[in-house]
């Protein structure tokens, strides 16, 4: 299934934790932006990738950026205070 290859390629690119736009992911992977968007949603849903979090945020210029990080580094998992 082609989407499985796309999913693996997008994940391999994104797992370094760097923020990227759909355009830059598309340029680096060779897949269209619509496919990239679907694969990023898959990373959120597919059981195999549950150890990772796909984060997104909108820059002040309106551009959305995305990154994939290990789930343990999510802000909600960090302690509020150092002990």
C-alpha atoms as a PDB file:
ATOM      1  CA  UNK A   1       0.000   0.000   0.000  1.00  0.00           C
ATOM      2  CA  UNK A   2       1.503   3.321  -1.104  1.00  0.00           C
ATOM      3  CA  UNK A   3       0.294   5.249   1.941  1.00  0.00           C
ATOM      4  CA  UNK A   4       2.313   2.930   4.208  1.00  0.00           C
ATOM      5  CA  UNK A   5       5.474   3.867   2.317  1.00  0.00           C
ATOM      6  CA  UNK A   6       4.524   7.531   2.543  1.00  0.00           C
ATOM      7  CA  UNK A   7       3.830   7.203   6.259  1.00  0.00           C
ATOM      8  CA  UNK A   8       7.222   5.604   6.904  1.00  0.00           C
ATOM      9  CA  UNK A   9       8.998   8.222   4.773  1.00  0.00           C
ATOM     10  CA  UNK A  10       7.260  11.147   6.481  1.00  0.00           C
ATOM     11  CA  UNK A  11       7.873   9.681   9.933  1.00  0.00           C
ATOM     12  CA  UNK A  12      11.561   9.064   9.197  1.00  0.00           C
ATOM     13  CA  UNK A  13      11.925  12.666   8.066  1.00  0.00           C
ATOM     14  CA  UNK A  14       9.979  14.169  10.967  1.00  0.00           C
ATOM     15  CA  UNK A  15      11.285  12.118  13.888  1.00  0.00           C
ATOM     16  CA  UNK A  16      14.243  14.482  14.346  1.00  0.00           C
ATOM     17  CA  UNK A  17      11.873  16.921  16.084  1.00  0.00           C
ATOM     18  CA  UNK A  18      12.511  19.911  13.801  1.00  0.00           C
ATOM     19  CA  UNK A  19       9.593  22.207  12.983  1.00  0.00           C
ATOM     20  CA  UNK A  20       8.666  22.021   9.282  1.00  0.00           C
ATOM     21  CA  UNK A  21       5.990  23.395   6.969  1.00  0.00           C
ATOM     22  CA  UNK A  22       3.947  21.146   4.695  1.00  0.00           C
ATOM     23  CA  UNK A  23       5.846  22.652   1.777  1.00  0.00           C
ATOM     24  CA  UNK A  24       9.261  21.768   3.219  1.00  0.00           C
ATOM     25  CA  UNK A  25       8.117  18.237   4.115  1.00  0.00           C
ATOM     26  CA  UNK A  26       6.782  17.849   0.579  1.00  0.00           C
ATOM     27  CA  UNK A  27      10.031  19.077  -0.950  1.00  0.00           C
ATOM     28  CA  UNK A  28      12.149  16.784   1.228  1.00  0.00           C
ATOM     29  CA  UNK A  29       9.969  13.697   0.788  1.00  0.00           C
ATOM     30  CA  UNK A  30       8.780  14.129  -2.796  1.00  0.00           C
ATOM     31  CA  UNK A  31       5.116  13.602  -1.845  1.00  0.00           C
ATOM     32  CA  UNK A  32       2.316  16.152  -2.397  1.00  0.00           C
ATOM     33  CA  UNK A  33       1.260  18.393   0.497  1.00  0.00           C
ATOM     34  CA  UNK A  34      -2.211  16.786   0.694  1.00  0.00           C
ATOM     35  CA  UNK A  35      -0.591  13.374   1.189  1.00  0.00           C
ATOM     36  CA  UNK A  36       1.777  14.783   3.805  1.00  0.00           C
ATOM     37  CA  UNK A  37      -1.142  16.246   5.740  1.00  0.00           C
ATOM     38  CA  UNK A  38      -2.895  12.858   5.737  1.00  0.00           C
ATOM     39  CA  UNK A  39       0.262  11.059   6.867  1.00  0.00           C
ATOM     40  CA  UNK A  40       0.762  13.523   9.743  1.00  0.00           C
ATOM     41  CA  UNK A  41      -2.790  12.739  10.888  1.00  0.00           C
ATOM     42  CA  UNK A  42      -1.937   9.038  10.615  1.00  0.00           C
ATOM     43  CA  UNK A  43       1.032   9.504  12.943  1.00  0.00           C
ATOM     44  CA  UNK A  44      -1.459  10.734  15.552  1.00  0.00           C
ATOM     45  CA  UNK A  45      -3.768   7.742  15.024  1.00  0.00           C
ATOM     46  CA  UNK A  46      -1.680   4.667  14.156  1.00  0.00           C
ATOM     47  CA  UNK A  47      -0.875   2.474  17.164  1.00  0.00           C
ATOM     48  CA  UNK A  48       2.714   1.882  16.018  1.00  0.00           C
ATOM     49  CA  UNK A  49       3.476   5.601  16.403  1.00  0.00           C
ATOM     50  CA  UNK A  50       1.822   6.123  19.810  1.00  0.00           C
ATOM     51  CA  UNK A  51       5.256   6.562  21.427  1.00  0.00           C
ATOM     52  CA  UNK A  52       5.496   9.822  19.488  1.00  0.00           C
ATOM     53  CA  UNK A  53       3.515  13.027  19.404  1.00  0.00           C
ATOM     54  CA  UNK A  54       2.834  15.009  16.259  1.00  0.00           C
ATOM     55  CA  UNK A  55       2.635  18.669  17.255  1.00  0.00           C
ATOM     56  CA  UNK A  56       1.468  21.587  15.165  1.00  0.00           C
ATOM     57  CA  UNK A  57       1.325  25.320  15.674  1.00  0.00           C
ATOM     58  CA  UNK A  58       0.539  28.361  13.600  1.00  0.00           C
ATOM     59  CA  UNK A  59       3.225  30.968  13.086  1.00  0.00           C
ATOM     60  CA  UNK A  60       2.384  34.653  13.311  1.00  0.00           C
ATOM     61  CA  UNK A  61       2.345  34.846   9.491  1.00  0.00           C
ATOM     62  CA  UNK A  62      -0.403  32.189   9.366  1.00  0.00           C
ATOM     63  CA  UNK A  63       1.822  29.322   8.225  1.00  0.00           C
ATOM     64  CA  UNK A  64       1.355  26.029  10.042  1.00  0.00           C
ATOM     65  CA  UNK A  65       4.441  24.084  11.168  1.00  0.00           C
ATOM     66  CA  UNK A  66       4.683  20.499  12.369  1.00  0.00           C
ATOM     67  CA  UNK A  67       7.086  18.286  14.293  1.00  0.00           C
ATOM     68  CA  UNK A  68       7.224  14.757  15.683  1.00  0.00           C
ATOM     69  CA  UNK A  69       8.762  14.208  19.113  1.00  0.00           C
ATOM     70  CA  UNK A  70       8.920  11.317  21.582  1.00  0.00           C
ATOM     71  CA  UNK A  71       5.731  11.300  23.661  1.00  0.00           C
ATOM     72  CA  UNK A  72       7.679  11.653  26.918  1.00  0.00           C
ATOM     73  CA  UNK A  73       8.799  15.150  25.898  1.00  0.00           C
ATOM     74  CA  UNK A  74       5.285  16.584  25.518  1.00  0.00           C
ATOM     75  CA  UNK A  75       4.811  19.715  27.590  1.00  0.00           C
ATOM     76  CA  UNK A  76       1.946  18.061  29.485  1.00  0.00           C
ATOM     77  CA  UNK A  77       4.299  15.270  30.597  1.00  0.00           C
ATOM     78  CA  UNK A  78       6.873  17.605  32.070  1.00  0.00           C
ATOM     79  CA  UNK A  79       6.760  18.304  35.803  1.00  0.00           C
ATOM     80  CA  UNK A  80       5.524  21.722  36.797  1.00  0.00           C
ATOM     81  CA  UNK A  81       8.195  22.167  39.450  1.00  0.00           C
ATOM     82  CA  UNK A  82      11.668  20.820  39.934  1.00  0.00           C
ATOM     83  CA  UNK A  83      12.115  18.822  43.075  1.00  0.00           C
END
